[in-house]
Protein backbone atom coordinates (compact mmCIF):
# COMPACT_ATOMS: atom_id res chain seq x y z
CA UNK A 1 99.81 110.54 126.30
CA UNK A 2 103.35 109.09 127.14
CA UNK A 3 106.49 111.00 126.05
CA UNK A 4 110.29 110.67 126.33
CA UNK A 5 113.18 112.91 125.62
CA UNK A 6 115.61 112.56 122.74
CA UNK A 7 118.19 114.92 123.84
CA UNK A 8 116.35 118.22 124.66
CA UNK A 9 113.35 117.40 122.53
CA UNK A 10 110.22 115.99 124.23
CA UNK A 11 108.52 113.45 121.91
CA UNK A 12 104.99 112.35 122.50
CA UNK A 13 103.72 108.97 121.41
CA UNK A 14 101.07 106.45 121.79
CA UNK A 15 101.53 102.67 122.26
CA UNK A 16 98.52 100.36 122.06
CA UNK A 17 97.83 96.66 121.53
CA UNK A 18 99.99 93.55 121.52
CA UNK A 19 101.74 91.60 118.89
CA UNK A 20 104.27 92.37 116.17
CA UNK A 21 105.11 96.00 116.44
CA UNK A 22 104.32 98.65 113.86
CA UNK A 23 105.57 102.28 114.12
CA UNK A 24 103.30 104.95 112.30
CA UNK A 25 105.01 108.25 111.25
CA UNK A 26 102.50 111.01 110.30
CA UNK A 27 102.86 113.55 107.58
CA UNK A 28 103.57 117.37 107.53
CA UNK A 29 101.23 119.55 109.56
CA UNK A 30 99.42 116.49 111.02
CA UNK A 31 99.90 114.44 114.07
CA UNK A 32 99.57 111.03 115.43
CA UNK A 33 95.79 111.60 116.27
CA UNK A 34 94.94 113.32 112.94
CA UNK A 35 96.90 110.96 110.75
CA UNK A 36 96.36 107.70 112.54
CA UNK A 37 93.88 107.69 115.37
CA UNK A 38 90.91 109.51 113.83
CA UNK A 39 91.03 107.79 110.47
CA UNK A 40 90.82 104.45 112.20
CA UNK A 41 94.35 103.11 111.66
CA UNK A 42 95.19 102.51 115.19
CA UNK A 43 91.91 100.51 115.93
CA UNK A 44 92.38 98.69 112.55
CA UNK A 45 95.80 97.45 113.33
CA UNK A 46 95.28 96.59 117.00
CA UNK A 47 92.23 94.52 116.00
CA UNK A 48 94.49 92.79 113.56
CA UNK A 49 96.75 91.70 116.33
CA UNK A 50 99.44 94.34 116.07
CA UNK A 51 101.14 96.51 118.72
CA UNK A 52 100.74 99.97 117.32
CA UNK A 53 103.16 102.81 118.08
CA UNK A 54 102.56 106.31 116.67
CA UNK A 55 104.85 109.14 117.08
CA UNK A 56 104.29 113.05 117.18
CA UNK A 57 107.14 114.37 115.00
CA UNK A 58 109.04 117.22 116.52
CA UNK A 59 107.13 120.50 115.77
CA UNK A 60 103.91 118.62 115.56
CA UNK A 61 101.19 117.51 118.01
CA UNK A 62 102.25 117.22 121.55
CA UNK A 63 105.94 117.10 120.95
CA UNK A 64 108.43 120.09 121.38
CA UNK A 65 108.04 123.02 118.91
CA UNK A 66 111.43 124.25 117.39
CA UNK A 67 111.93 127.24 115.12
CA UNK A 68 115.33 126.49 113.53
CA UNK A 69 115.06 124.67 110.17
CA UNK A 70 118.26 122.89 111.07
CA UNK A 71 116.40 121.00 113.70
CA UNK A 72 114.16 119.34 111.12
CA UNK A 73 116.55 117.46 108.67
CA UNK A 74 114.97 114.14 107.67
CA UNK A 75 117.90 112.42 109.46
CA UNK A 76 117.14 114.14 112.62
CA UNK A 77 113.54 113.25 112.64
CA UNK A 78 114.50 109.69 111.63
CA UNK A 79 116.76 109.70 114.79
CA UNK A 80 113.68 110.56 117.01
CA UNK A 81 111.78 107.65 115.48
CA UNK A 82 114.84 105.29 116.21
CA UNK A 83 115.22 106.75 119.74
CA UNK A 84 111.47 105.94 120.36
CA UNK A 85 111.96 102.36 119.28
CA UNK A 86 115.09 102.20 121.61
CA UNK A 87 112.99 103.79 124.53
CA UNK A 88 110.44 101.03 124.05
CA UNK A 89 113.02 98.22 123.74
CA UNK A 90 112.05 97.44 120.21
CA UNK A 91 114.90 96.14 118.04
CA UNK A 92 112.98 95.93 114.85
CA UNK A 93 109.54 96.98 113.57
CA UNK A 94 107.41 97.38 110.62
CA UNK A 95 107.28 101.12 109.94
CA UNK A 96 104.54 103.12 107.89
CA UNK A 97 104.75 106.68 107.18
CA UNK A 98 102.59 109.11 105.21
CA UNK A 99 103.86 111.94 103.07
CA UNK A 100 106.68 113.50 105.02
CA UNK A 101 106.49 110.36 107.27
CA UNK A 102 106.98 108.43 104.22
CA UNK A 103 110.31 110.31 103.66
CA UNK A 104 111.41 109.56 107.15
CA UNK A 105 110.40 105.82 106.74
CA UNK A 106 112.37 105.57 103.54
CA UNK A 107 115.41 107.16 105.14
CA UNK A 108 115.20 104.63 107.89
CA UNK A 109 114.85 101.69 105.54
CA UNK A 110 118.00 103.04 103.68
CA UNK A 111 120.14 104.02 106.54
CA UNK A 112 119.15 101.43 109.28
CA UNK A 113 117.59 98.54 107.56
CA UNK A 114 118.29 96.22 110.51
CA UNK A 115 115.66 98.27 112.36
CA UNK A 116 112.97 98.04 109.63
CA UNK A 117 111.15 94.79 109.23
CA UNK A 118 109.16 96.29 106.35
CA UNK A 119 108.39 99.75 105.12
CA UNK A 120 105.12 101.29 103.86
CA UNK A 121 105.48 104.61 101.94
CA UNK A 122 102.12 106.15 102.00
CA UNK A 123 101.48 109.36 100.03
CA UNK A 124 105.02 109.51 98.70
CA UNK A 125 105.95 108.49 95.17
CA UNK A 126 108.72 109.61 92.83
CA UNK A 127 108.55 113.08 94.79
CA UNK A 128 110.88 111.19 97.16
CA UNK A 129 113.57 111.62 94.60
CA UNK A 130 112.35 114.21 92.14
CA UNK A 131 110.90 116.87 94.66
CA UNK A 132 107.62 118.72 94.27
CA UNK A 133 104.97 119.11 96.70
CA UNK A 134 104.93 121.65 99.42
CA UNK A 135 107.87 124.06 99.34
CA UNK A 136 108.60 127.77 100.24
CA UNK A 137 105.02 128.59 98.86
CA UNK A 138 103.58 126.67 101.73
CA UNK A 139 106.06 127.98 104.28
CA UNK A 140 104.99 131.51 103.25
CA UNK A 141 101.34 130.59 103.42
CA UNK A 142 101.92 129.31 106.91
CA UNK A 143 103.43 132.56 108.09
CA UNK A 144 100.72 134.84 106.52
CA UNK A 145 98.66 136.64 108.98
CA UNK A 146 95.38 134.93 107.86
CA UNK A 147 94.29 132.57 105.18
CA UNK A 148 92.59 135.07 103.20
CA UNK A 149 95.97 136.54 102.53
CA UNK A 150 97.13 133.36 100.82
CA UNK A 151 96.56 133.04 97.06
CA UNK A 152 98.72 130.04 96.17
CA UNK A 153 96.42 126.97 95.78
CA UNK A 154 98.86 124.45 97.54
CA UNK A 155 99.60 127.07 100.17
CA UNK A 156 96.04 127.66 100.94
CA UNK A 157 95.41 123.87 101.10
CA UNK A 158 98.31 123.29 103.71
CA UNK A 159 97.49 126.59 105.62
CA UNK A 160 93.82 125.54 106.10
CA UNK A 161 94.87 122.06 107.18
CA UNK A 162 97.20 123.62 109.70
CA UNK A 163 94.54 126.05 110.96
CA UNK A 164 92.19 123.06 111.36
CA UNK A 165 94.63 121.00 113.32
CA UNK A 166 95.53 124.16 115.45
CA UNK A 167 99.12 123.64 114.66
CA UNK A 168 102.13 125.88 115.65
CA UNK A 169 102.50 127.45 112.10
CA UNK A 170 106.00 128.99 112.73
CA UNK A 171 107.24 125.58 113.87
CA UNK A 172 105.70 124.13 110.74
CA UNK A 173 107.32 126.65 108.40
CA UNK A 174 110.72 125.77 110.00
CA UNK A 175 110.05 122.12 109.59
CA UNK A 176 109.24 122.56 105.98
CA UNK A 177 112.30 124.53 105.18
CA UNK A 178 114.50 121.96 107.00
CA UNK A 179 112.99 118.77 105.92
CA UNK A 180 113.26 119.08 102.15
CA UNK A 181 116.33 117.03 101.53
CA UNK A 182 115.51 114.58 98.75
CA UNK A 183 116.60 111.01 98.50
CA UNK A 184 119.03 110.28 95.67
CA UNK A 185 117.99 107.63 93.16
CA UNK A 186 120.93 105.38 94.20
CA UNK A 187 119.89 105.77 97.85
CA UNK A 188 116.33 104.79 96.97
CA UNK A 189 117.48 101.86 94.89
CA UNK A 190 119.51 100.63 97.84
CA UNK A 191 116.33 99.98 99.88
CA UNK A 192 115.89 96.19 100.20
CA UNK A 193 113.61 95.68 103.06
CA UNK A 194 109.97 94.61 101.92
CA UNK A 195 108.39 97.82 100.85
CA UNK A 196 104.83 98.98 99.92
CA UNK A 197 104.24 102.22 98.08
CA UNK A 198 100.74 103.46 98.36
CA UNK A 199 99.45 106.61 96.58
CA UNK A 200 96.13 108.07 95.61
CA UNK A 201 95.53 108.05 91.96
CA UNK A 202 94.59 111.81 91.98
CA UNK A 203 97.38 112.84 94.42
CA UNK A 204 99.25 115.84 92.76
CA UNK A 205 101.66 116.09 95.73
CA UNK A 206 103.23 112.66 96.02
CA UNK A 207 104.26 112.04 92.49
CA UNK A 208 104.06 108.75 90.77
CA UNK A 209 104.03 105.64 92.89
CA UNK A 210 104.82 103.37 89.98
CA UNK A 211 107.90 105.54 89.00
CA UNK A 212 109.20 105.16 92.45
CA UNK A 213 108.52 101.45 92.17
CA UNK A 214 110.69 101.37 89.16
CA UNK A 215 113.62 102.58 91.43
CA UNK A 216 112.77 100.59 94.54
CA UNK A 217 112.72 97.39 92.39
CA UNK A 218 111.51 95.12 95.10
CA UNK A 219 108.66 97.20 96.06
CA UNK A 220 104.93 96.55 95.59
CA UNK A 221 102.78 99.40 94.43
CA UNK A 222 99.22 100.02 95.68
CA UNK A 223 96.82 102.46 93.67
CA UNK A 224 94.39 104.12 96.04
CA UNK A 225 91.58 104.79 93.58
CA UNK A 226 90.13 108.29 93.14
CA UNK A 227 91.83 109.71 96.20
CA UNK A 228 93.95 112.90 96.44
CA UNK A 229 96.70 113.50 99.03
CA UNK A 230 94.47 114.45 101.80
CA UNK A 231 91.65 111.91 101.20
CA UNK A 232 93.82 108.86 100.80
CA UNK A 233 94.75 108.64 104.39
CA UNK A 234 91.81 106.72 105.79
CA UNK A 235 90.80 105.02 102.52
CA UNK A 236 89.55 101.36 102.87
CA UNK A 237 91.63 100.17 99.90
CA UNK A 238 94.75 101.60 101.52
CA UNK A 239 93.88 99.93 104.77
CA UNK A 240 93.06 96.50 103.11
CA UNK A 241 96.22 96.70 100.99
CA UNK A 242 98.35 97.45 104.13
CA UNK A 243 96.86 94.57 106.05
CA UNK A 244 97.60 92.13 103.27
CA UNK A 245 101.00 93.39 102.94
CA UNK A 246 101.82 92.96 106.45
CA UNK A 247 100.42 89.49 106.47
CA UNK A 248 102.46 88.38 103.51
CA UNK A 249 105.89 90.01 104.37
CA UNK A 250 108.53 87.62 105.57
């Protein structure tokens, strides 16, 4: 896979297809492959005539692993995404993020809207503002010697996922501790780029999509029926909704 350096951090990415560019930003403990390639997103979007770029966030996948939480602020990871667009000579792109990637996407839409043609916030609802989801309980679970030592239900879910993806658990714990900055209600309300909020109806991590839609008043909301946080990623309703949104956005 190709990579580039943003400062001293090597960032891996993929770049496939031709057409309008869309940047995909994966969720916590995931990777470009787990979040976007294996569930069929890359093939789906390239077949729809898109140029698909997917990043491995720092601490994840094939990118550099760091162990200081200060290296993982949302603004720092958003800067990696902007640097990737700069590296590829892309002035403006549609951007879709899932979960933590949705937080990064929202930050980009707020802070540098001139780079964001549209934003898809997958797997993140009002938790963007109100918090919730993985916290210190998950960081502690990631640092446990073995899964059997973890009793917290959410901690067990994310620890099992990290083990499944063969992730660097110490880097993930640092990422979790550093990336928990919440967006304020005023910041979210200031997002004016075309936005789609897509959350599973049984997702107990993201928070309400409709509540976030009341804050980002120009956003569309897509309910992904009967899907939780982990199973919504590759859902066909999600994919169809994104294709329709991208086809209709200005």
